[in-house]
Amino acid sequence: MPDKKFVPVMITPYNLKAEVDLDVVSTLIEFYLAAGVKGFFANCLSSEMFSITEDERLNLTSHIVKQVRGRVPVVATGSFGYTIADKSQFIKKIYDTGIDAAIMITGHFAKEEDSDDVLLRNFEQMFQATGNIPLGMYECPAPYKRIISPAVFKQLLSANRLIYHKDTSITHENVQAKLDVLKDTPNNMEFYDAHTPNAAFSLQADAKGMSSISGNFYPEVMVWMVNNATNPDKQEEVKWLQEELTNVDPLIHIAYPMSAKYFLQKRGLPVRTISRAVANKLTPDQRNTLDDIHNRFEHWCERLGIQKVDVPSIAGSGFNEESVF
């Protein structure tokens, strides 16, 4: 079977002063690796990248690279700034942290009302301004979601600069069309679907892997899915798990990333329910919903024989739960 990957989109933990807590970042990295992930997407929307400063983006990404120590690849968003020149400068800075590829947000290369011609021109300028730096694309929901059409996807691939794509198309038709383009275009791009309800479909259609927020709740389960989606002996279990994941997916998006921080804390990780992107605390009903999903997660692992990460051995003994809230 082909080597499939689950790549988590990193959250940013904060201390009680709402400063980035790099010690907890290190703990999270070891947790994800113990779960079997095969890469990291740092400085992304889940990282609250629009709510942290430029220095924090760079320091956070640098810390992640150093903690990972080459065990798996790391990519990070780099297309920040008003002009292409600004964006290219930041891409160079974040690439210097040691990441494997700098990711460009598609919505940063054209206004919502602009044509694809504008987007293509701006991408071409970025290709020229960044030398040989490996690049990727991310159809990020913010500042607005710019879905790349299969035709534009094919034109961008022809530049031979892109090695990573995080897709948020959602529709099977658009995902399949892009994967068909990849099959017909010699390249080394890796295609990752961000939409958990698409997991089985995309993986069976030859996507390289998944990179969805669900990995910030139950990475072991998502690793099981990418490892088994194309296994002919596991199709009954894959279908069942996909239905389960699809049912809970809208619920984990509510108040995200606070929901993920609460869930990880419930699992025993020293992650505080503090966010710069979400000001309000979780409501009692939201917490009850996440508690129910945690129970379902326990059932998934039991039914499928998934070994959960031994969180106490990862988190160490210095975690005071009372200080988290």
Foldseek 3Di string as FASTA:
>chain_A
DDQAFEEEEDAFFAAPVRHGDLVLVLLVLVQLVLLPGAEYEACAVNNVNVLDDLVCSQVNLLSSCVSCVPSHAYEYEQQDDQALLVSLVSLVSNVVSPHQEYEYEQCNQDPPPDDVVSSVVSVVVNCVSNDQGAYEYEQGPPPHGDAQALVSLLVSVVVQRYAEYEHAPPDLVRLLSNLVSVVVDDHNHAYEYADLLCFLVNLCSPHRYYYYNCCLQAVSLRVVLSVPSNPPVCPVLNVVVSVVCVVCVVLCPVQPPLSSQLNVVVVPRQGASDDSVRDDHDDPVSVVSSVVVVVVSVVSCVVVVGDRDPSCVSRDDPRDSVSRD
